[in-house]
Amino acid sequence: MFAQTWLLPFALLATATIVAFPLSRYVAWIMDGKYRPWRVFGWFEKQLDSGPQNWKQ
């Protein structure tokens, strides 16, 4: 019973820690401007682009 009680929280913390490192490197790569989308994704982003916005929009 003791192992079942602590297994899920430990597994959640371990999984979150393991996933955090590659995900943070990926987000930093995108924020640095090094990301170039595939043509299909680039077209899709252009369709969704609403242009420059201010804080009210």
PDB file of N, CA and C in Angstrom:
ATOM      1  N   MET A   1       0.820  -1.195   0.000  1.00  0.00           N
ATOM      2  CA  MET A   1       0.000   0.000   0.000  1.00  0.00           C
ATOM      3  C   MET A   1       0.866   1.262   0.000  1.00  0.00           C
ATOM      4  N   PHE A   2       1.988   1.223   0.713  1.00  0.00           N
ATOM      5  CA  PHE A   2       2.872   2.385   0.794  1.00  0.00           C
ATOM      6  C   PHE A   2       3.447   2.721  -0.580  1.00  0.00           C
ATOM      7  N   ALA A   3       3.845   1.702  -1.338  1.00  0.00           N
ATOM      8  CA  ALA A   3       4.429   1.923  -2.661  1.00  0.00           C
ATOM      9  C   ALA A   3       3.395   2.503  -3.618  1.00  0.00           C
ATOM     10  N   GLN A   4       2.175   2.049  -3.543  1.00  0.00           N
ATOM     11  CA  GLN A   4       1.120   2.562  -4.412  1.00  0.00           C
ATOM     12  C   GLN A   4       0.798   4.016  -4.108  1.00  0.00           C
ATOM     13  N   THR A   5       0.902   4.394  -2.861  1.00  0.00           N
ATOM     14  CA  THR A   5       0.592   5.757  -2.458  1.00  0.00           C
ATOM     15  C   THR A   5       1.612   6.750  -2.999  1.00  0.00           C
ATOM     16  N   TRP A   6       2.880   6.377  -3.011  1.00  0.00           N
ATOM     17  CA  TRP A   6       3.943   7.294  -3.422  1.00  0.00           C
ATOM     18  C   TRP A   6       4.395   7.116  -4.872  1.00  0.00           C
ATOM     19  N   LEU A   7       3.948   6.083  -5.524  1.00  0.00           N
ATOM     20  CA  LEU A   7       4.401   5.828  -6.887  1.00  0.00           C
ATOM     21  C   LEU A   7       3.882   6.863  -7.882  1.00  0.00           C
ATOM     22  N   LEU A   8       2.623   7.197  -7.826  1.00  0.00           N
ATOM     23  CA  LEU A   8       2.048   8.146  -8.786  1.00  0.00           C
ATOM     24  C   LEU A   8       2.646   9.546  -8.648  1.00  0.00           C
ATOM     25  N   PRO A   9       2.714  10.136  -7.458  1.00  0.00           N
ATOM     26  CA  PRO A   9       3.345  11.472  -7.366  1.00  0.00           C
ATOM     27  C   PRO A   9       4.807  11.457  -7.804  1.00  0.00           C
ATOM     28  N   PHE A  10       5.555  10.422  -7.453  1.00  0.00           N
ATOM     29  CA  PHE A  10       6.945  10.333  -7.866  1.00  0.00           C
ATOM     30  C   PHE A  10       7.056  10.194  -9.387  1.00  0.00           C
ATOM     31  N   ALA A  11       6.187   9.404  -9.979  1.00  0.00           N
ATOM     32  CA  ALA A  11       6.197   9.221 -11.433  1.00  0.00           C
ATOM     33  C   ALA A  11       5.838  10.523 -12.150  1.00  0.00           C
ATOM     34  N   LEU A  12       4.891  11.271 -11.617  1.00  0.00           N
ATOM     35  CA  LEU A  12       4.522  12.550 -12.221  1.00  0.00           C
ATOM     36  C   LEU A  12       5.670  13.551 -12.150  1.00  0.00           C
ATOM     37  N   LEU A  13       6.318  13.642 -11.027  1.00  0.00           N
ATOM     38  CA  LEU A  13       7.456  14.553 -10.884  1.00  0.00           C
ATOM     39  C   LEU A  13       8.623  14.139 -11.777  1.00  0.00           C
ATOM     40  N   ALA A  14       8.904  12.868 -11.840  1.00  0.00           N
ATOM     41  CA  ALA A  14      10.000  12.390 -12.678  1.00  0.00           C
ATOM     42  C   ALA A  14       9.704  12.652 -14.154  1.00  0.00           C
ATOM     43  N   THR A  15       8.492  12.398 -14.579  1.00  0.00           N
ATOM     44  CA  THR A  15       8.114  12.636 -15.974  1.00  0.00           C
ATOM     45  C   THR A  15       8.178  14.117 -16.314  1.00  0.00           C
ATOM     46  N   ALA A  16       7.674  14.965 -15.427  1.00  0.00           N
ATOM     47  CA  ALA A  16       7.713  16.409 -15.675  1.00  0.00           C
ATOM     48  C   ALA A  16       9.147  16.912 -15.754  1.00  0.00           C
ATOM     49  N   THR A  17      10.023  16.391 -14.913  1.00  0.00           N
ATOM     50  CA  THR A  17      11.423  16.806 -14.932  1.00  0.00           C
ATOM     51  C   THR A  17      12.116  16.347 -16.203  1.00  0.00           C
ATOM     52  N   ILE A  18      11.856  15.137 -16.621  1.00  0.00           N
ATOM     53  CA  ILE A  18      12.487  14.600 -17.828  1.00  0.00           C
ATOM     54  C   ILE A  18      12.011  15.353 -19.072  1.00  0.00           C
ATOM     55  N   VAL A  19      10.752  15.696 -19.130  1.00  0.00           N
ATOM     56  CA  VAL A  19      10.191  16.379 -20.298  1.00  0.00           C
ATOM     57  C   VAL A  19      10.579  17.863 -20.313  1.00  0.00           C
ATOM     58  N   ALA A  20      10.815  18.465 -19.159  1.00  0.00           N
ATOM     59  CA  ALA A  20      11.075  19.904 -19.070  1.00  0.00           C
ATOM     60  C   ALA A  20      12.350  20.320 -19.795  1.00  0.00           C
ATOM     61  N   PHE A  21      13.401  19.532 -19.721  1.00  0.00           N
ATOM     62  CA  PHE A  21      14.667  19.928 -20.328  1.00  0.00           C
ATOM     63  C   PHE A  21      14.606  20.007 -21.851  1.00  0.00           C
ATOM     64  N   PRO A  22      14.157  18.977 -22.562  1.00  0.00           N
ATOM     65  CA  PRO A  22      14.086  19.114 -24.016  1.00  0.00           C
ATOM     66  C   PRO A  22      13.047  20.146 -24.465  1.00  0.00           C
ATOM     67  N   LEU A  23      11.948  20.248 -23.745  1.00  0.00           N
ATOM     68  CA  LEU A  23      10.917  21.205 -24.113  1.00  0.00           C
ATOM     69  C   LEU A  23      11.413  22.638 -23.936  1.00  0.00           C
ATOM     70  N   SER A  24      12.160  22.907 -22.879  1.00  0.00           N
ATOM     71  CA  SER A  24      12.681  24.256 -22.665  1.00  0.00           C
ATOM     72  C   SER A  24      13.728  24.616 -23.714  1.00  0.00           C
ATOM     73  N   ARG A  25      14.540  23.657 -24.122  1.00  0.00           N
ATOM     74  CA  ARG A  25      15.515  23.926 -25.190  1.00  0.00           C
ATOM     75  C   ARG A  25      14.809  24.219 -26.509  1.00  0.00           C
ATOM     76  N   TYR A  26      13.727  23.510 -26.785  1.00  0.00           N
ATOM     77  CA  TYR A  26      12.955  23.735 -28.005  1.00  0.00           C
ATOM     78  C   TYR A  26      12.310  25.118 -28.000  1.00  0.00           C
ATOM     79  N   VAL A  27      11.728  25.515 -26.890  1.00  0.00           N
ATOM     80  CA  VAL A  27      11.099  26.834 -26.793  1.00  0.00           C
ATOM     81  C   VAL A  27      12.151  27.932 -26.920  1.00  0.00           C
ATOM     82  N   ALA A  28      13.318  27.757 -26.315  1.00  0.00           N
ATOM     83  CA  ALA A  28      14.394  28.740 -26.439  1.00  0.00           C
ATOM     84  C   ALA A  28      14.852  28.847 -27.889  1.00  0.00           C
ATOM     85  N   TRP A  29      14.916  27.732 -28.598  1.00  0.00           N
ATOM     86  CA  TRP A  29      15.293  27.722 -30.008  1.00  0.00           C
ATOM     87  C   TRP A  29      14.290  28.526 -30.838  1.00  0.00           C
ATOM     88  N   ILE A  30      13.007  28.380 -30.546  1.00  0.00           N
ATOM     89  CA  ILE A  30      11.974  29.128 -31.253  1.00  0.00           C
ATOM     90  C   ILE A  30      12.068  30.614 -30.930  1.00  0.00           C
ATOM     91  N   MET A  31      12.250  30.948 -29.659  1.00  0.00           N
ATOM     92  CA  MET A  31      12.299  32.347 -29.250  1.00  0.00           C
ATOM     93  C   MET A  31      13.551  33.056 -29.766  1.00  0.00           C
ATOM     94  N   ASP A  32      14.615  32.333 -30.025  1.00  0.00           N
ATOM     95  CA  ASP A  32      15.828  32.925 -30.591  1.00  0.00           C
ATOM     96  C   ASP A  32      15.679  33.232 -32.080  1.00  0.00           C
ATOM     97  N   GLY A  33      14.601  32.779 -32.694  1.00  0.00           N
ATOM     98  CA  GLY A  33      14.356  33.045 -34.104  1.00  0.00           C
ATOM     99  C   GLY A  33      15.026  32.073 -35.043  1.00  0.00           C
ATOM    100  N   LYS A  34      15.476  30.954 -34.542  1.00  0.00           N
ATOM    101  CA  LYS A  34      16.143  29.964 -35.382  1.00  0.00           C
ATOM    102  C   LYS A  34      15.167  28.989 -36.037  1.00  0.00           C
ATOM    103  N   TYR A  35      13.925  29.038 -35.639  1.00  0.00           N
ATOM    104  CA  TYR A  35      12.908  28.120 -36.160  1.00  0.00           C
ATOM    105  C   TYR A  35      12.418  28.585 -37.523  1.00  0.00           C
ATOM    106  N   ARG A  36      12.413  27.706 -38.487  1.00  0.00           N
ATOM    107  CA  ARG A  36      11.847  27.957 -39.806  1.00  0.00           C
ATOM    108  C   ARG A  36      10.835  26.854 -40.096  1.00  0.00           C
ATOM    109  N   PRO A  37       9.557  27.216 -40.215  1.00  0.00           N
ATOM    110  CA  PRO A  37       8.537  26.179 -40.420  1.00  0.00           C
ATOM    111  C   PRO A  37       8.603  25.568 -41.815  1.00  0.00           C
ATOM    112  N   TRP A  38       8.039  24.374 -41.950  1.00  0.00           N
ATOM    113  CA  TRP A  38       7.899  23.751 -43.255  1.00  0.00           C
ATOM    114  C   TRP A  38       6.962  24.607 -44.092  1.00  0.00           C
ATOM    115  N   ARG A  39       6.984  24.413 -45.385  1.00  0.00           N
ATOM    116  CA  ARG A  39       6.160  25.245 -46.268  1.00  0.00           C
ATOM    117  C   ARG A  39       4.678  25.147 -45.925  1.00  0.00           C
ATOM    118  N   VAL A  40       4.205  23.966 -45.620  1.00  0.00           N
ATOM    119  CA  VAL A  40       2.787  23.780 -45.296  1.00  0.00           C
ATOM    120  C   VAL A  40       2.441  24.562 -44.034  1.00  0.00           C
ATOM    121  N   PHE A  41       3.295  24.481 -43.026  1.00  0.00           N
ATOM    122  CA  PHE A  41       3.040  25.199 -41.787  1.00  0.00           C
ATOM    123  C   PHE A  41       3.192  26.703 -41.976  1.00  0.00           C
ATOM    124  N   GLY A  42       4.151  27.104 -42.813  1.00  0.00           N
ATOM    125  CA  GLY A  42       4.325  28.525 -43.099  1.00  0.00           C
ATOM    126  C   GLY A  42       3.093  29.115 -43.768  1.00  0.00           C
ATOM    127  N   TRP A  43       2.517  28.375 -44.714  1.00  0.00           N
ATOM    128  CA  TRP A  43       1.296  28.820 -45.372  1.00  0.00           C
ATOM    129  C   TRP A  43       0.163  28.937 -44.367  1.00  0.00           C
ATOM    130  N   PHE A  44       0.036  27.974 -43.486  1.00  0.00           N
ATOM    131  CA  PHE A  44      -1.022  27.974 -42.480  1.00  0.00           C
ATOM    132  C   PHE A  44      -0.854  29.161 -41.525  1.00  0.00           C
ATOM    133  N   GLU A  45       0.388  29.462 -41.126  1.00  0.00           N
ATOM    134  CA  GLU A  45       0.639  30.600 -40.245  1.00  0.00           C
ATOM    135  C   GLU A  45       0.298  31.916 -40.936  1.00  0.00           C
ATOM    136  N   LYS A  46       0.578  32.014 -42.231  1.00  0.00           N
ATOM    137  CA  LYS A  46       0.235  33.228 -42.962  1.00  0.00           C
ATOM    138  C   LYS A  46      -1.274  33.428 -43.022  1.00  0.00           C
ATOM    139  N   GLN A  47      -2.015  32.344 -43.126  1.00  0.00           N
ATOM    140  CA  GLN A  47      -3.470  32.448 -43.165  1.00  0.00           C
ATOM    141  C   GLN A  47      -4.037  32.913 -41.823  1.00  0.00           C
ATOM    142  N   LEU A  48      -3.376  32.547 -40.738  1.00  0.00           N
ATOM    143  CA  LEU A  48      -3.856  32.918 -39.408  1.00  0.00           C
ATOM    144  C   LEU A  48      -3.322  34.257 -38.925  1.00  0.00           C
ATOM    145  N   ASP A  49      -2.345  34.822 -39.609  1.00  0.00           N
ATOM    146  CA  ASP A  49      -1.713  36.065 -39.180  1.00  0.00           C
ATOM    147  C   ASP A  49      -2.711  37.213 -39.273  1.00  0.00           C
ATOM    148  N   SER A  50      -2.863  37.952 -38.191  1.00  0.00           N
ATOM    149  CA  SER A  50      -3.784  39.081 -38.173  1.00  0.00           C
ATOM    150  C   SER A  50      -3.041  40.409 -38.213  1.00  0.00           C
ATOM    151  N   GLY A  51      -1.743  40.384 -38.458  1.00  0.00           N
ATOM    152  CA  GLY A  51      -0.966  41.607 -38.564  1.00  0.00           C
ATOM    153  C   GLY A  51      -0.544  42.147 -37.206  1.00  0.00           C
ATOM    154  N   PRO A  52       0.103  43.309 -37.216  1.00  0.00           N
ATOM    155  CA  PRO A  52       0.551  43.886 -35.948  1.00  0.00           C
ATOM    156  C   PRO A  52      -0.644  44.302 -35.088  1.00  0.00           C
ATOM    157  N   GLN A  53      -0.489  44.137 -33.805  1.00  0.00           N
ATOM    158  CA  GLN A  53      -1.563  44.466 -32.872  1.00  0.00           C
ATOM    159  C   GLN A  53      -0.990  45.270 -31.708  1.00  0.00           C
ATOM    160  N   ASN A  54      -1.849  46.050 -31.087  1.00  0.00           N
ATOM    161  CA  ASN A  54      -1.452  46.746 -29.873  1.00  0.00           C
ATOM    162  C   ASN A  54      -2.059  46.035 -28.677  1.00  0.00           C
ATOM    163  N   TRP A  55      -1.876  46.578 -27.519  1.00  0.00           N
ATOM    164  CA  TRP A  55      -2.317  45.898 -26.299  1.00  0.00           C
ATOM    165  C   TRP A  55      -3.839  45.821 -26.200  1.00  0.00           C
ATOM    166  N   LYS A  56      -4.564  46.673 -26.911  1.00  0.00           N
ATOM    167  CA  LYS A  56      -6.031  46.667 -26.833  1.00  0.00           C
ATOM    168  C   LYS A  56      -6.643  45.532 -27.657  1.00  0.00           C
ATOM    169  N   GLN A  57      -5.898  45.071 -28.647  1.00  0.00           N
ATOM    170  CA  GLN A  57      -6.444  44.046 -29.526  1.00  0.00           C
ATOM    171  C   GLN A  57      -6.121  42.685 -28.990  1.00  0.00           C
TER     172      GLN A  57
END
